[in-house]
Amino acid sequence: MEVMIAALKKAGVKFSQLQVEMVLSSIESIKTYLRHSSAFAFLSIHSILKELEHKELQVIDIKDFNIPRTFYFITQQGDSGQLPDMLMKFMTSKSVSDNFRLSYITMIHEVVA
């Protein structure tokens, strides 16, 4: 929520200026509500791909408005394998990492005898 408020502030919009109609805790409940109302919501485009394809929801693009998110890589300690390594290399490439904040967490697997 703090990230969204900061993004709104950067765009010159105070959170208090928005009329909050309802606060829902799951993406599915938000999408269901949106289908039956004239409300707007801030959602990841990836969460509504099916609804966009079926023309149930639509994107309203706001020029120069971004809500940055942090993504975490969580791996077991040691060799993570070729595919996870390729994904992490791609996600940390300059073209991708400029759009995302990435953090790394290595899981330490303890063996209890």
Protein backbone atom coordinates (compact mmCIF):
# COMPACT_ATOMS: atom_id res chain seq x y z
CA MET A 1 0.00 0.00 0.00
CA GLU A 2 2.85 2.37 0.84
CA VAL A 3 4.37 1.84 -2.61
CA MET A 4 1.06 2.69 -4.28
CA ILE A 5 0.63 5.83 -2.17
CA ALA A 6 4.18 6.92 -3.09
CA ALA A 7 3.46 6.31 -6.80
CA LEU A 8 0.24 8.33 -6.58
CA LYS A 9 2.08 11.16 -4.79
CA LYS A 10 4.74 11.19 -7.52
CA ALA A 11 1.93 11.53 -10.08
CA GLY A 12 0.45 14.47 -8.13
CA VAL A 13 -2.52 12.55 -6.69
CA LYS A 14 -3.19 12.35 -2.96
CA PHE A 15 -4.52 9.02 -1.74
CA SER A 16 -7.11 10.97 0.26
CA GLN A 17 -8.45 12.33 -3.06
CA LEU A 18 -9.44 8.83 -4.18
CA GLN A 19 -12.88 7.57 -3.29
CA VAL A 20 -12.23 4.10 -1.88
CA GLU A 21 -15.38 2.12 -2.53
CA MET A 22 -14.23 -1.18 -1.07
CA VAL A 23 -11.08 -2.96 0.08
CA LEU A 24 -10.85 -6.61 -0.95
CA SER A 25 -8.06 -9.01 -0.05
CA SER A 26 -7.82 -11.33 -3.05
CA ILE A 27 -7.29 -10.76 -6.77
CA GLU A 28 -10.24 -13.02 -7.62
CA SER A 29 -12.64 -11.07 -5.39
CA ILE A 30 -11.41 -7.78 -6.88
CA LYS A 31 -11.93 -9.07 -10.44
CA THR A 32 -15.42 -10.35 -9.59
CA TYR A 33 -16.34 -7.00 -8.05
CA LEU A 34 -14.99 -5.08 -11.05
CA ARG A 35 -17.07 -7.15 -13.48
CA HIS A 36 -20.24 -5.97 -11.72
CA SER A 37 -19.42 -2.34 -10.96
CA SER A 38 -18.12 0.83 -12.53
CA ALA A 39 -15.16 0.94 -10.12
CA PHE A 40 -11.43 0.97 -10.94
CA ALA A 41 -8.62 -1.02 -9.31
CA PHE A 42 -4.84 -1.19 -9.39
CA LEU A 43 -3.95 -4.72 -10.49
CA SER A 44 -1.02 -6.40 -12.17
CA ILE A 45 -1.74 -6.89 -15.85
CA HIS A 46 -0.59 -10.49 -15.43
CA SER A 47 -3.46 -11.15 -13.04
CA ILE A 48 -6.12 -10.18 -15.60
CA LEU A 49 -4.79 -11.69 -18.85
CA LYS A 50 -7.75 -14.10 -19.19
CA GLU A 51 -10.24 -11.31 -18.49
CA LEU A 52 -8.56 -9.07 -21.08
CA GLU A 53 -8.69 -11.87 -23.65
CA HIS A 54 -12.44 -12.36 -23.01
CA LYS A 55 -13.02 -8.58 -22.92
CA GLU A 56 -14.41 -8.78 -19.40
CA LEU A 57 -12.01 -6.11 -18.09
CA GLN A 58 -9.91 -3.44 -19.75
CA VAL A 59 -6.71 -1.58 -19.00
CA ILE A 60 -6.76 2.17 -18.55
CA ASP A 61 -3.17 3.25 -18.98
CA ILE A 62 -2.08 6.31 -17.00
CA LYS A 63 0.82 8.10 -18.66
CA ASP A 64 4.02 8.20 -16.58
CA PHE A 65 2.41 6.28 -13.69
CA ASN A 66 4.27 3.28 -12.30
CA ILE A 67 3.83 1.27 -9.14
CA PRO A 68 7.19 -0.44 -8.53
CA ARG A 69 7.22 -3.86 -6.90
CA THR A 70 9.92 -5.93 -5.26
CA PHE A 71 10.41 -9.52 -6.35
CA TYR A 72 12.33 -12.10 -4.35
CA PHE A 73 14.29 -15.13 -5.54
CA ILE A 74 14.22 -17.86 -2.94
CA THR A 75 16.51 -20.82 -3.52
CA GLN A 76 17.97 -23.66 -1.54
CA GLN A 77 21.59 -23.26 -0.62
CA GLY A 78 23.87 -24.88 -3.19
CA ASP A 79 23.32 -25.68 -6.86
CA SER A 80 19.88 -24.45 -7.95
CA GLY A 81 19.98 -25.98 -11.43
CA GLN A 82 20.20 -24.61 -14.95
CA LEU A 83 16.64 -23.30 -15.42
CA PRO A 84 16.45 -21.26 -12.17
CA ASP A 85 19.93 -19.88 -12.91
CA MET A 86 18.82 -18.82 -16.41
CA LEU A 87 15.72 -17.11 -14.99
CA MET A 88 17.75 -15.22 -12.38
CA LYS A 89 20.29 -14.17 -15.03
CA PHE A 90 17.48 -12.90 -17.29
CA MET A 91 15.66 -11.09 -14.47
CA THR A 92 18.84 -9.35 -13.36
CA SER A 93 19.78 -8.27 -16.89
CA LYS A 94 19.88 -4.49 -17.41
CA SER A 95 16.75 -4.40 -19.60
CA VAL A 96 14.63 -6.20 -17.00
CA SER A 97 16.15 -5.06 -13.71
CA ASP A 98 15.57 -1.39 -14.55
CA ASN A 99 11.84 -2.11 -14.19
CA PHE A 100 11.93 -4.26 -11.06
CA ARG A 101 13.56 -4.21 -7.66
CA LEU A 102 14.98 -7.66 -7.03
CA SER A 103 16.11 -9.24 -3.78
CA TYR A 104 17.74 -12.57 -3.16
CA ILE A 105 17.08 -14.97 -0.32
CA THR A 106 19.03 -18.21 -0.06
CA MET A 107 17.25 -20.89 1.92
CA ILE A 108 19.58 -22.73 4.23
CA HIS A 109 18.39 -26.30 4.46
CA GLU A 110 19.38 -27.78 7.79
CA VAL A 111 19.54 -31.51 8.17
CA VAL A 112 18.53 -32.66 11.61
CA ALA A 113 19.96 -36.07 12.55
